[in-house]
Amino acid sequence: MGPINLWMPKTTSMKLYSSPTVSRSKSVFILCYSLFTVQSSFAANQGSTTLPSDTYLQNSKGMSIGYFRSEVLRTDQNNVATGEHDYEIRLPANALFAIKVDGQEVKPGETFNSSKTLNNGILSLDIAPLRKKDIGKVEYEVYIPSLYSIDDRFWEVFDPTYTKWLDSGQNVEHESWLPPLAQQMTDFTQTRKYKDVYTRERQDRDKDTNVGEIRNHGDPVTEYDYRPNTESRDVKASVDAYVNTGELHDCGDWVPPASETYEGLSVDQTFTCQQDQTRTWTYKVGSYVIGTHPQLQSIDDIKYRTVPGTKNPWLSTASAFGEWSNTGEPYQISSWEPPIVAQTANFTQSRSYKQNQTRTEQKQQKNAVTGEIRSVGELKYPIKAVTVNQQRTIAVSVSGWSNSGSAYNCGAWTPAANTVSSGTRFTQTQGCTQMQVRTWSYKDGSTVITTRPENRTVSLSPNRSAVGTKSTLRLVKTGSYHTYRGELSYELSFAREDGDTIVNSSAYDSQAGKACSPEGHGYTYYTIKDPNAYFALYKCQR
């Protein structure tokens, strides 16, 4: 840091010594200074006014005595900085006193921001202590964030300029004319594709981002545009006549051969060879021949003649046959189906068998020219086996059922005579089994093919007249007993204790002389009448 010494003698003049330290980095400047002040006063107006030292002092030319003045500031492009620049005055926090810069107070620890127009690249500021009583030394820092000059240029790529596209008259990349000449046999139009070359001039440019100045960059550059295009032309096609070239070749035989025509007939024959020919196609556009090509062909060269046929006219034809007739007996005879067993109605049976047959065969030939037929060889007797299917209608009949033998497994006659009252006539029946038979007959027309029996068993119930032998049992009263109302249950209990059966007269009318059963089993019949309060005792006996 270079100190700034401010000497203030008791005169109206003041001398300033300034020795700044300057730091520069990419157009950023930091300048550090020291300021000394001495408390003093100055006389003015013939001593009638005292000026404090914190007032900006000027010399007789009106120039400040206490000031900051930088060196000539330059940009990175070494141009003198121009125009208004931002700057900062930074006063450390440990400064002994505040200062004022161009009339603005800057306290210790503060930063004063402002801007000022440079004078020929120099930044000048008026600086003095804030108060006249401040005595001592302070350090401050002048910081300029960036430097710029109207003379600096910052070039960037800018939009180029172009001339209009113009047809250069050049055509390139021609493709083949289509369709090809070799495929055409009449007038036609050909087309082909190509690239039409257009050009223009491009002038590259730069633009200054500082003042907007534009400059050309390098020489103009020619640009090319290859534009697809087509062209056509009318082609006239002409051809001359075919002319033979070379000798006959690939000759065949006389056809059809005489061996394929019957004797007695004639045949027209041809003899064919190949003759090569050529002709030339010529193609013109206007009067200019653009191409030719030959067209080749091979034609038949034919000769003719008539010769007699040599083929045998007698050809095999259909044999003459007699009628087929049976020979020998049938064999492999199958059974009649369906079988007769279990058939109960008219039905149809069928069967098959093999039968050998024979006939006469005479081989023959026919003349293909005259149509005459003749026999050849010996008479033959071919044999074949045929399958014969045979059917017949069977008439089914059946006789009525008839007993076969006597009845058997007969039971007793019922009811038994001793169960029917003596002297009473009644009918008895008996259960028996009887075998019966009937006959099924099967006929083909009037011929009985077979018969079969059918058996069955039936239940018989023969009956007969009989006279009963049983004696009649009757109820016989043996005694009567009376009881009082309220004692009936006792009497009934007494009767039960005897093991007898009590019959209520309201359900069973028991009275003397009524038929009963069985006899001799100790059964006693009671008739109880209530409220008469008596009961009667009966026994079943003869």
Protein backbone atom coordinates (compact mmCIF):
# COMPACT_ATOMS: atom_id res chain seq x y z
CA MET A 1 0.00 0.00 0.00
CA GLY A 2 1.33 3.42 -0.87
CA PRO A 3 0.48 6.16 1.60
CA ILE A 4 -1.15 9.43 0.71
CA ASN A 5 0.32 12.17 2.89
CA LEU A 6 -1.73 15.28 3.28
CA TRP A 7 0.30 18.29 4.51
CA MET A 8 -1.75 21.24 5.56
CA PRO A 9 0.48 24.29 6.44
CA LYS A 10 -1.11 27.46 7.67
CA THR A 11 -1.44 28.85 4.25
CA THR A 12 -4.15 28.59 1.68
CA SER A 13 -2.24 25.97 -0.25
CA MET A 14 -2.01 22.26 0.46
CA LYS A 15 0.21 19.62 -1.14
CA LEU A 16 -0.84 15.96 -1.57
CA TYR A 17 1.55 13.08 -1.97
CA SER A 18 -0.03 9.95 -3.46
CA SER A 19 1.61 6.60 -4.07
CA PRO A 20 -1.14 3.99 -4.81
CA THR A 21 -0.76 0.25 -5.19
CA VAL A 22 -2.77 -1.06 -8.20
CA SER A 23 -3.90 -4.67 -8.78
CA ARG A 24 -5.30 -5.63 -12.21
CA SER A 25 -6.92 -8.92 -13.22
CA LYS A 26 -9.00 -9.20 -16.36
CA SER A 27 -10.00 -5.55 -16.41
CA VAL A 28 -10.84 -5.59 -12.69
CA PHE A 29 -8.87 -3.02 -10.74
CA ILE A 30 -8.29 -2.79 -7.01
CA LEU A 31 -6.38 0.25 -5.76
CA CYS A 32 -5.39 0.62 -2.12
CA TYR A 33 -4.41 3.94 -0.52
CA SER A 34 -3.43 5.38 2.87
CA LEU A 35 -4.67 8.78 3.96
CA PHE A 36 -3.03 10.97 6.66
CA THR A 37 -4.67 14.07 8.07
CA VAL A 38 -3.50 16.73 10.52
CA GLN A 39 -6.00 18.77 12.47
CA SER A 40 -5.67 22.36 11.33
CA SER A 41 -7.67 25.35 10.19
CA PHE A 42 -7.25 27.70 7.30
CA ALA A 43 -7.93 31.44 7.16
CA ALA A 44 -10.13 32.85 4.44
CA ASN A 45 -11.69 36.13 3.60
CA GLN A 46 -8.75 38.06 5.20
CA GLY A 47 -8.86 35.82 8.24
CA SER A 48 -12.47 36.44 9.11
CA THR A 49 -13.49 32.78 8.33
CA THR A 50 -11.86 29.62 9.55
CA LEU A 51 -12.15 26.57 7.17
CA PRO A 52 -12.04 23.10 8.82
CA SER A 53 -9.73 20.45 7.33
CA ASP A 54 -12.60 18.15 6.36
CA THR A 55 -13.53 20.59 3.62
CA TYR A 56 -12.25 19.74 0.16
CA LEU A 57 -9.32 22.07 -0.38
CA GLN A 58 -8.44 23.40 -3.80
CA ASN A 59 -5.48 25.23 -5.13
CA SER A 60 -5.60 28.58 -6.83
CA LYS A 61 -6.54 26.88 -10.08
CA GLY A 62 -9.62 25.29 -8.54
CA MET A 63 -8.10 21.81 -8.47
CA SER A 64 -8.65 19.55 -5.48
CA ILE A 65 -5.75 19.10 -3.18
CA GLY A 66 -7.10 15.91 -1.49
CA TYR A 67 -8.04 13.43 -4.19
CA PHE A 68 -7.68 9.91 -5.68
CA ARG A 69 -6.34 9.63 -9.22
CA SER A 70 -5.77 6.32 -11.01
CA GLU A 71 -3.32 5.55 -13.75
CA VAL A 72 -4.61 5.38 -17.34
CA LEU A 73 -6.90 2.34 -17.29
CA ARG A 74 -6.80 -0.03 -20.25
CA THR A 75 -8.89 -3.06 -21.31
CA ASP A 76 -7.58 -6.53 -22.21
CA GLN A 77 -7.39 -5.31 -25.81
CA ASN A 78 -5.05 -2.51 -24.53
CA ASN A 79 -7.57 0.18 -25.41
CA VAL A 80 -8.02 3.16 -23.05
CA ALA A 81 -11.11 2.59 -20.92
CA THR A 82 -13.93 4.96 -21.84
CA GLY A 83 -17.33 5.97 -20.57
CA GLU A 84 -18.96 5.64 -17.18
CA HIS A 85 -17.62 2.86 -14.93
CA ASP A 86 -18.90 1.40 -11.69
CA TYR A 87 -16.52 1.47 -8.75
CA GLU A 88 -16.47 0.70 -5.03
CA ILE A 89 -14.71 2.40 -2.09
CA ARG A 90 -14.12 -0.20 0.62
CA LEU A 91 -13.17 1.12 4.10
CA PRO A 92 -11.96 -1.58 6.51
CA ALA A 93 -13.82 -2.05 9.79
CA ASN A 94 -10.65 -1.24 11.76
CA ALA A 95 -10.21 2.18 10.11
CA LEU A 96 -9.63 4.98 12.65
CA PHE A 97 -12.21 7.32 11.19
CA ALA A 98 -14.75 7.75 8.41
CA ILE A 99 -14.04 9.46 5.12
CA LYS A 100 -16.08 11.15 2.46
CA VAL A 101 -15.78 10.44 -1.24
CA ASP A 102 -17.21 12.94 -3.69
CA GLY A 103 -19.37 14.20 -0.85
CA GLN A 104 -20.60 10.73 0.25
CA GLU A 105 -19.86 9.43 3.75
CA VAL A 106 -18.09 6.10 4.08
CA LYS A 107 -17.92 4.65 7.60
CA PRO A 108 -15.44 2.01 8.76
CA GLY A 109 -16.55 -1.45 7.55
CA GLU A 110 -18.74 0.03 4.79
CA THR A 111 -18.49 -0.12 1.02
CA PHE A 112 -19.46 2.86 -1.06
CA ASN A 113 -20.80 2.05 -4.56
CA SER A 114 -21.00 4.62 -7.29
CA SER A 115 -20.10 5.27 -10.91
CA LYS A 116 -18.18 7.94 -12.74
CA THR A 117 -17.15 8.79 -16.26
CA LEU A 118 -13.45 8.25 -16.87
CA ASN A 119 -11.40 11.17 -18.14
CA ASN A 120 -8.95 9.90 -20.75
CA GLY A 121 -9.01 6.55 -19.00
CA ILE A 122 -8.39 8.03 -15.51
CA LEU A 123 -10.71 7.70 -12.53
CA SER A 124 -10.51 10.82 -10.26
CA LEU A 125 -12.26 11.14 -6.90
CA ASP A 126 -12.26 13.83 -4.18
CA ILE A 127 -11.39 12.22 -0.81
CA ALA A 128 -11.09 13.82 2.65
CA PRO A 129 -11.67 12.93 6.35
CA LEU A 130 -15.29 13.11 7.36
CA ARG A 131 -14.55 15.35 10.38
CA LYS A 132 -11.86 17.95 10.88
CA LYS A 133 -10.86 16.51 14.21
CA ASP A 134 -9.93 13.14 12.70
CA ILE A 135 -6.17 12.73 12.86
CA GLY A 136 -4.30 9.64 11.88
CA LYS A 137 -3.91 7.14 9.06
CA VAL A 138 -6.64 5.11 7.28
CA GLU A 139 -6.40 2.62 4.45
CA TYR A 140 -9.10 2.27 1.84
CA GLU A 141 -9.57 0.22 -1.31
CA VAL A 142 -10.82 1.34 -4.71
CA TYR A 143 -12.44 -1.56 -6.65
CA ILE A 144 -13.49 -1.34 -10.31
CA PRO A 145 -15.48 -4.51 -11.28
CA SER A 146 -14.80 -4.32 -15.02
CA LEU A 147 -13.22 -2.14 -17.65
CA TYR A 148 -14.54 -1.52 -21.11
CA SER A 149 -13.74 0.76 -24.01
CA ILE A 150 -15.66 1.98 -26.95
CA ASP A 151 -12.66 0.91 -29.00
CA ASP A 152 -12.91 -2.77 -27.89
CA ARG A 153 -14.42 -5.27 -30.32
CA PHE A 154 -16.00 -8.61 -29.37
CA TRP A 155 -16.70 -10.47 -32.57
CA GLU A 156 -19.24 -13.30 -32.82
CA VAL A 157 -20.41 -15.27 -35.84
CA PHE A 158 -23.30 -13.44 -37.45
CA ASP A 159 -25.84 -14.32 -40.15
CA PRO A 160 -24.15 -14.60 -43.54
CA THR A 161 -25.50 -12.92 -46.65
CA TYR A 162 -26.47 -14.85 -49.78
CA THR A 163 -26.92 -14.02 -53.42
CA LYS A 164 -29.89 -15.48 -55.32
CA TRP A 165 -29.70 -19.03 -56.66
CA LEU A 166 -28.78 -19.01 -60.34
CA ASP A 167 -28.79 -21.84 -62.86
CA SER A 168 -25.15 -22.46 -63.67
CA GLY A 169 -25.98 -24.11 -66.97
CA GLN A 170 -24.28 -27.31 -65.82
CA ASN A 171 -26.14 -30.62 -65.67
CA VAL A 172 -24.56 -33.58 -63.90
CA GLU A 173 -25.28 -37.15 -62.78
CA HIS A 174 -27.17 -38.13 -65.91
CA GLU A 175 -28.94 -41.47 -65.63
CA SER A 176 -29.60 -43.84 -68.54
CA TRP A 177 -32.28 -43.09 -71.10
CA LEU A 178 -35.40 -45.17 -70.48
CA PRO A 179 -36.85 -47.30 -71.92
CA PRO A 180 -33.75 -48.92 -73.48
CA LEU A 181 -33.45 -48.90 -77.28
CA ALA A 182 -33.17 -52.68 -77.50
CA GLN A 183 -36.74 -53.17 -76.29
CA GLN A 184 -38.44 -50.83 -78.75
CA MET A 185 -39.97 -51.71 -82.11
CA THR A 186 -41.93 -48.52 -82.79
CA ASP A 187 -41.53 -44.77 -82.31
CA PHE A 188 -41.34 -43.86 -78.64
CA THR A 189 -40.26 -41.23 -76.13
CA GLN A 190 -37.25 -41.65 -73.86
CA THR A 191 -36.70 -39.88 -70.56
CA ARG A 192 -33.80 -39.67 -68.17
CA LYS A 193 -33.05 -38.06 -64.84
CA TYR A 194 -30.20 -35.69 -64.05
CA LYS A 195 -29.14 -33.01 -61.56
CA ASP A 196 -29.45 -29.33 -62.53
CA VAL A 197 -26.62 -27.36 -60.85
CA TYR A 198 -27.58 -24.04 -59.20
CA THR A 199 -25.04 -21.75 -57.46
CA ARG A 200 -25.03 -18.78 -55.08
CA GLU A 201 -22.43 -16.79 -53.13
CA ARG A 202 -22.32 -16.86 -49.33
CA GLN A 203 -20.50 -14.10 -47.46
CA ASP A 204 -19.73 -15.07 -43.86
CA ARG A 205 -19.89 -12.20 -41.33
CA ASP A 206 -19.06 -11.30 -37.72
CA LYS A 207 -20.88 -8.90 -35.41
CA ASP A 208 -19.42 -6.94 -32.48
CA THR A 209 -21.43 -7.47 -29.30
CA ASN A 210 -20.13 -4.17 -27.90
CA VAL A 211 -21.26 -1.57 -30.45
CA GLY A 212 -23.02 -3.82 -33.01
CA GLU A 213 -20.49 -3.29 -35.78
CA ILE A 214 -20.67 -5.92 -38.58
CA ARG A 215 -17.73 -7.05 -40.74
CA ASN A 216 -17.17 -9.59 -43.53
CA HIS A 217 -15.34 -12.72 -42.56
CA GLY A 218 -13.16 -14.16 -45.30
CA ASP A 219 -13.86 -14.30 -49.02
CA PRO A 220 -17.27 -15.18 -50.50
CA VAL A 221 -17.94 -18.93 -50.72
CA THR A 222 -19.74 -20.54 -53.67
CA GLU A 223 -22.55 -22.92 -52.67
CA TYR A 224 -24.07 -25.56 -54.95
CA ASP A 225 -27.62 -26.95 -55.10
CA TYR A 226 -28.13 -30.10 -57.17
CA ARG A 227 -31.78 -30.10 -58.16
CA PRO A 228 -33.40 -33.25 -59.61
CA ASN A 229 -34.76 -32.79 -63.11
CA THR A 230 -35.82 -34.86 -66.09
CA GLU A 231 -35.51 -34.47 -69.83
CA SER A 232 -37.14 -36.34 -72.70
CA ARG A 233 -36.61 -36.94 -76.39
CA ASP A 234 -38.69 -38.41 -79.21
CA VAL A 235 -37.07 -41.39 -80.88
CA LYS A 236 -37.94 -42.62 -84.37
CA ALA A 237 -37.54 -46.38 -84.85
CA SER A 238 -37.03 -47.99 -88.28
CA VAL A 239 -36.10 -51.52 -89.36
CA ASP A 240 -34.95 -53.16 -92.60
CA ALA A 241 -36.04 -56.56 -93.99
CA TYR A 242 -34.89 -59.93 -92.68
CA VAL A 243 -32.07 -61.60 -94.63
CA ASN A 244 -30.84 -65.19 -94.34
CA THR A 245 -27.58 -65.80 -92.54
CA GLY A 246 -25.64 -69.06 -92.66
CA GLU A 247 -26.74 -72.52 -93.83
CA LEU A 248 -29.79 -74.61 -92.92
CA HIS A 249 -29.38 -76.44 -89.61
CA ASP A 250 -31.20 -78.61 -87.09
CA CYS A 251 -32.98 -80.55 -89.84
CA GLY A 252 -35.47 -83.19 -88.73
CA ASP A 253 -36.88 -86.35 -90.36
CA TRP A 254 -39.64 -86.77 -92.88
CA VAL A 255 -42.83 -86.68 -90.83
CA PRO A 256 -45.15 -88.31 -90.23
CA PRO A 257 -43.22 -91.54 -90.93
CA ALA A 258 -44.68 -93.93 -93.53
CA SER A 259 -44.73 -96.64 -90.85
CA GLU A 260 -47.58 -94.79 -89.15
CA THR A 261 -49.85 -94.96 -92.23
CA TYR A 262 -51.61 -98.22 -93.18
CA GLU A 263 -50.75 -100.11 -96.31
CA GLY A 264 -53.04 -99.07 -99.14
CA LEU A 265 -53.01 -95.43 -98.04
CA SER A 266 -50.61 -92.58 -98.88
CA VAL A 267 -49.14 -90.02 -96.48
CA ASP A 268 -48.08 -86.38 -97.04
CA GLN A 269 -44.69 -85.80 -95.39
CA THR A 270 -42.75 -82.65 -94.48
CA PHE A 271 -39.02 -82.14 -93.93
CA THR A 272 -38.17 -79.13 -91.71
CA CYS A 273 -34.85 -77.30 -91.15
CA GLN A 274 -34.00 -74.06 -89.34
CA GLN A 275 -32.89 -70.95 -91.23
CA ASP A 276 -31.33 -68.06 -89.25
CA GLN A 277 -32.27 -64.50 -90.28
CA THR A 278 -31.38 -61.01 -89.10
CA ARG A 279 -32.55 -57.42 -89.51
CA THR A 280 -31.36 -54.10 -88.07
CA TRP A 281 -33.30 -51.57 -86.00
CA THR A 282 -32.15 -47.94 -86.28
CA TYR A 283 -33.09 -45.23 -83.77
CA LYS A 284 -32.89 -41.50 -84.54
CA VAL A 285 -33.51 -38.29 -82.69
CA GLY A 286 -34.10 -35.83 -85.47
CA SER A 287 -31.49 -36.72 -88.09
CA TYR A 288 -28.99 -37.98 -85.53
CA VAL A 289 -28.65 -41.77 -85.18
CA ILE A 290 -28.46 -42.55 -81.47
CA GLY A 291 -28.21 -46.32 -81.79
CA THR A 292 -28.84 -49.53 -83.69
CA HIS A 293 -29.26 -53.16 -82.74
CA PRO A 294 -29.80 -56.39 -84.66
CA GLN A 295 -32.90 -58.52 -84.30
CA LEU A 296 -32.42 -62.24 -84.88
CA GLN A 297 -34.92 -64.95 -85.67
CA SER A 298 -34.92 -68.53 -86.85
CA ILE A 299 -37.62 -69.66 -89.28
CA ASP A 300 -38.75 -73.08 -90.51
CA ASP A 301 -37.58 -74.11 -93.99
CA ILE A 302 -40.10 -76.84 -95.00
CA LYS A 303 -40.06 -79.36 -97.91
CA TYR A 304 -43.05 -81.57 -98.87
CA ARG A 305 -43.62 -85.07 -100.44
CA THR A 306 -46.23 -87.90 -100.62
CA VAL A 307 -45.33 -91.59 -100.02
CA PRO A 308 -47.35 -94.86 -99.55
CA GLY A 309 -47.98 -96.14 -96.01
CA THR A 310 -46.24 -99.24 -94.69
CA LYS A 311 -48.21 -99.99 -91.49
CA ASN A 312 -50.07 -103.38 -91.15
CA PRO A 313 -53.81 -102.56 -91.37
CA TRP A 314 -55.01 -105.67 -89.45
CA LEU A 315 -55.58 -104.62 -85.86
CA SER A 316 -56.89 -106.49 -82.85
CA THR A 317 -60.50 -105.74 -82.13
CA ALA A 318 -63.11 -106.95 -79.64
CA SER A 319 -63.53 -110.73 -79.35
CA ALA A 320 -66.83 -112.41 -80.16
CA PHE A 321 -68.36 -113.93 -76.99
CA GLY A 322 -71.14 -116.47 -76.35
CA GLU A 323 -73.57 -116.28 -73.42
CA TRP A 324 -72.45 -117.23 -69.92
CA SER A 325 -73.88 -120.52 -68.63
CA ASN A 326 -73.50 -122.40 -65.34
CA THR A 327 -71.05 -125.24 -65.14
CA GLY A 328 -70.76 -127.54 -62.14
CA GLU A 329 -72.58 -127.34 -58.82
CA PRO A 330 -72.83 -124.34 -56.47
CA TYR A 331 -70.24 -124.19 -53.68
CA GLN A 332 -69.35 -122.10 -50.64
CA ILE A 333 -73.04 -121.98 -49.80
CA SER A 334 -73.78 -119.80 -46.75
CA SER A 335 -76.53 -120.46 -44.19
CA TRP A 336 -79.97 -118.97 -44.56
CA GLU A 337 -80.24 -115.77 -42.55
CA PRO A 338 -81.92 -114.91 -40.31
CA PRO A 339 -82.25 -118.38 -38.72
CA ILE A 340 -85.73 -119.89 -38.39
CA VAL A 341 -85.53 -120.35 -34.63
CA ALA A 342 -87.65 -117.85 -32.66
CA GLN A 343 -89.40 -116.52 -35.80
CA THR A 344 -93.12 -116.00 -35.14
CA ALA A 345 -94.22 -114.13 -38.27
CA ASN A 346 -93.65 -114.38 -42.01
CA PHE A 347 -90.11 -113.30 -42.92
CA THR A 348 -87.53 -113.32 -45.72
CA GLN A 349 -84.32 -115.34 -45.64
CA SER A 350 -81.25 -114.80 -47.79
CA ARG A 351 -78.03 -116.66 -48.53
CA SER A 352 -75.18 -116.59 -51.07
CA TYR A 353 -73.07 -119.13 -52.91
CA LYS A 354 -70.43 -119.40 -55.63
CA GLN A 355 -71.28 -120.62 -59.13
CA ASN A 356 -68.79 -121.31 -61.94
CA GLN A 357 -69.84 -120.07 -65.40
CA THR A 358 -68.32 -120.44 -68.87
CA ARG A 359 -68.77 -119.03 -72.39
CA THR A 360 -67.06 -119.13 -75.78
CA GLU A 361 -64.53 -116.49 -76.91
CA GLN A 362 -63.25 -115.99 -80.47
CA LYS A 363 -60.30 -113.57 -81.00
CA GLN A 364 -60.79 -111.18 -84.00
CA GLN A 365 -58.92 -108.62 -86.10
CA LYS A 366 -60.28 -105.66 -88.06
CA ASN A 367 -58.80 -104.12 -91.21
CA ALA A 368 -58.33 -100.40 -90.48
CA VAL A 369 -58.63 -99.55 -94.16
CA THR A 370 -61.52 -101.75 -95.37
CA GLY A 371 -63.29 -102.45 -92.07
CA GLU A 372 -63.23 -106.22 -92.73
CA ILE A 373 -63.26 -108.47 -89.63
CA ARG A 374 -61.56 -111.90 -89.42
CA SER A 375 -61.22 -114.61 -86.77
CA VAL A 376 -57.78 -115.49 -85.46
CA GLY A 377 -56.69 -118.37 -83.25
CA GLU A 378 -58.72 -121.20 -81.66
CA LEU A 379 -62.02 -120.91 -79.86
CA LYS A 380 -61.54 -120.43 -76.09
CA TYR A 381 -63.75 -121.26 -73.11
CA PRO A 382 -63.04 -118.85 -70.28
CA ILE A 383 -64.45 -119.65 -66.82
CA LYS A 384 -65.44 -117.25 -64.08
CA ALA A 385 -66.91 -117.63 -60.60
CA VAL A 386 -69.89 -115.48 -59.73
CA THR A 387 -71.53 -114.86 -56.39
CA VAL A 388 -75.24 -115.59 -56.41
CA ASN A 389 -77.49 -114.01 -53.79
CA GLN A 390 -80.64 -116.04 -53.08
CA GLN A 391 -83.79 -115.08 -51.15
CA ARG A 392 -86.94 -116.90 -50.08
CA THR A 393 -90.09 -115.91 -48.19
CA ILE A 394 -90.96 -118.16 -45.25
CA ALA A 395 -94.64 -118.49 -44.26
CA VAL A 396 -94.98 -119.04 -40.49
CA SER A 397 -97.99 -120.83 -38.90
CA VAL A 398 -98.70 -122.28 -35.44
CA SER A 399 -101.20 -124.85 -34.06
CA GLY A 400 -103.36 -124.39 -30.94
CA TRP A 401 -102.24 -125.41 -27.45
CA SER A 402 -103.00 -129.03 -26.44
CA ASN A 403 -102.41 -130.89 -23.18
CA SER A 404 -99.42 -133.15 -23.07
CA GLY A 405 -99.87 -135.92 -20.50
CA SER A 406 -101.89 -135.73 -17.28
CA ALA A 407 -102.03 -132.94 -14.71
CA TYR A 408 -99.47 -133.14 -11.90
CA ASN A 409 -98.52 -131.45 -8.65
CA CYS A 410 -102.21 -131.47 -7.62
CA GLY A 411 -103.09 -130.20 -4.10
CA ALA A 412 -105.94 -131.16 -1.69
CA TRP A 413 -109.60 -130.48 -2.48
CA THR A 414 -110.77 -127.34 -0.70
CA PRO A 415 -112.67 -126.59 1.37
CA ALA A 416 -112.54 -129.86 3.29
CA ALA A 417 -115.88 -131.59 3.83
CA ASN A 418 -115.40 -131.63 7.59
CA THR A 419 -115.30 -127.85 7.54
CA VAL A 420 -118.76 -127.58 6.02
CA SER A 421 -121.88 -128.28 8.04
CA SER A 422 -123.07 -131.79 7.81
CA GLY A 423 -125.48 -132.38 4.93
CA THR A 424 -124.61 -129.12 3.15
CA ARG A 425 -123.73 -129.52 -0.62
CA PHE A 426 -120.86 -127.31 -1.80
CA THR A 427 -118.18 -127.09 -4.58
CA GLN A 428 -114.58 -128.08 -3.96
CA THR A 429 -111.56 -126.91 -6.06
CA GLN A 430 -108.09 -128.36 -6.51
CA GLY A 431 -104.80 -126.68 -7.73
CA CYS A 432 -102.80 -128.65 -10.44
CA THR A 433 -100.05 -128.06 -13.07
CA GLN A 434 -100.62 -129.09 -16.73
CA MET A 435 -97.95 -129.35 -19.52
CA GLN A 436 -99.19 -128.05 -22.92
CA VAL A 437 -97.60 -128.05 -26.40
CA ARG A 438 -98.13 -126.40 -29.82
CA THR A 439 -96.28 -126.74 -33.16
CA TRP A 440 -94.74 -123.97 -35.36
CA SER A 441 -94.53 -124.72 -39.11
CA TYR A 442 -92.23 -122.95 -41.65
CA LYS A 443 -92.94 -123.27 -45.40
CA ASP A 444 -91.32 -122.03 -48.60
CA GLY A 445 -94.36 -122.03 -50.83
CA SER A 446 -95.94 -125.45 -50.28
CA THR A 447 -92.71 -127.03 -49.08
CA VAL A 448 -92.38 -127.45 -45.34
CA ILE A 449 -88.89 -126.34 -44.43
CA THR A 450 -89.07 -127.36 -40.78
CA THR A 451 -91.28 -127.46 -37.68
CA ARG A 452 -90.55 -126.80 -34.06
CA PRO A 453 -92.55 -127.53 -30.85
CA GLU A 454 -93.23 -124.92 -28.17
CA ASN A 455 -94.08 -126.04 -24.60
CA ARG A 456 -95.64 -124.30 -21.63
CA THR A 457 -97.08 -125.14 -18.20
CA VAL A 458 -100.42 -123.79 -17.01
CA SER A 459 -102.19 -123.85 -13.65
CA LEU A 460 -105.50 -125.82 -13.54
CA SER A 461 -108.31 -125.48 -11.00
CA PRO A 462 -110.66 -128.49 -11.42
CA ASN A 463 -113.79 -128.47 -9.26
CA ARG A 464 -116.35 -131.00 -7.97
CA SER A 465 -119.50 -131.12 -5.86
CA ALA A 466 -119.28 -132.36 -2.21
CA VAL A 467 -121.46 -132.66 0.96
CA GLY A 468 -120.34 -131.25 4.34
CA THR A 469 -119.70 -133.56 7.29
CA LYS A 470 -119.06 -130.98 10.07
CA SER A 471 -121.32 -130.86 13.28
CA THR A 472 -122.75 -127.34 14.13
CA LEU A 473 -121.36 -125.50 17.21
CA ARG A 474 -123.67 -123.18 19.12
CA LEU A 475 -123.45 -120.79 22.03
CA VAL A 476 -124.97 -122.28 25.16
CA LYS A 477 -125.75 -120.00 28.10
CA THR A 478 -124.32 -121.37 31.31
CA GLY A 479 -125.27 -118.63 33.77
CA SER A 480 -126.10 -114.99 34.46
CA TYR A 481 -124.56 -112.68 37.01
CA HIS A 482 -125.73 -109.39 38.37
CA THR A 483 -123.73 -106.55 39.79
CA TYR A 484 -124.30 -103.06 41.01
CA ARG A 485 -123.39 -99.85 39.35
CA GLY A 486 -119.90 -99.07 40.31
CA GLU A 487 -118.90 -102.72 40.71
CA LEU A 488 -118.85 -103.54 37.03
CA SER A 489 -115.12 -103.07 36.77
CA TYR A 490 -114.60 -105.62 39.51
CA GLU A 491 -116.73 -108.19 37.80
CA LEU A 492 -114.95 -107.57 34.52
CA SER A 493 -111.62 -107.94 36.21
CA PHE A 494 -112.83 -111.19 37.70
CA ALA A 495 -113.75 -112.41 34.27
CA ARG A 496 -110.31 -111.50 32.92
CA GLU A 497 -108.66 -113.32 35.74
CA ASP A 498 -110.39 -116.47 34.51
CA GLY A 499 -108.66 -115.94 31.14
CA ASP A 500 -111.95 -115.65 29.31
CA THR A 501 -112.77 -113.31 26.47
CA ILE A 502 -115.12 -110.43 27.17
CA VAL A 503 -117.35 -109.48 24.27
CA ASN A 504 -119.22 -106.19 24.44
CA SER A 505 -122.75 -106.72 23.24
CA SER A 506 -122.71 -103.41 21.44
CA ALA A 507 -120.00 -104.79 19.14
CA TYR A 508 -120.83 -108.48 19.09
CA ASP A 509 -124.32 -109.81 19.49
CA SER A 510 -123.76 -112.90 21.62
CA GLN A 511 -126.80 -114.92 22.39
CA ALA A 512 -127.76 -118.51 22.93
CA GLY A 513 -127.97 -120.64 19.78
CA LYS A 514 -125.60 -118.47 17.70
CA ALA A 515 -123.02 -120.40 15.66
CA CYS A 516 -119.53 -120.29 17.10
CA SER A 517 -116.08 -121.77 16.68
CA PRO A 518 -113.90 -123.44 17.74
CA GLU A 519 -115.13 -126.14 20.07
CA GLY A 520 -113.50 -127.38 23.20
CA HIS A 521 -110.95 -124.58 23.63
CA GLY A 522 -112.43 -123.22 26.81
CA TYR A 523 -113.58 -120.00 25.23
CA THR A 524 -116.37 -118.31 27.11
CA TYR A 525 -118.44 -115.55 25.60
CA TYR A 526 -119.81 -112.79 27.77
CA THR A 527 -122.52 -110.32 27.07
CA ILE A 528 -122.22 -107.23 29.24
CA LYS A 529 -125.03 -104.78 29.42
CA ASP A 530 -124.60 -101.49 31.10
CA PRO A 531 -126.34 -99.80 32.91
CA ASN A 532 -128.38 -102.98 33.58
CA ALA A 533 -125.30 -104.22 35.35
CA TYR A 534 -125.31 -107.90 34.53
CA PHE A 535 -123.35 -110.25 32.29
CA ALA A 536 -124.09 -113.69 30.87
CA LEU A 537 -121.67 -116.62 30.44
CA TYR A 538 -121.76 -118.77 27.24
CA LYS A 539 -119.78 -121.76 25.96
CA CYS A 540 -119.30 -123.04 22.37
CA GLN A 541 -120.44 -126.64 22.14
CA ARG A 542 -122.53 -129.00 20.06
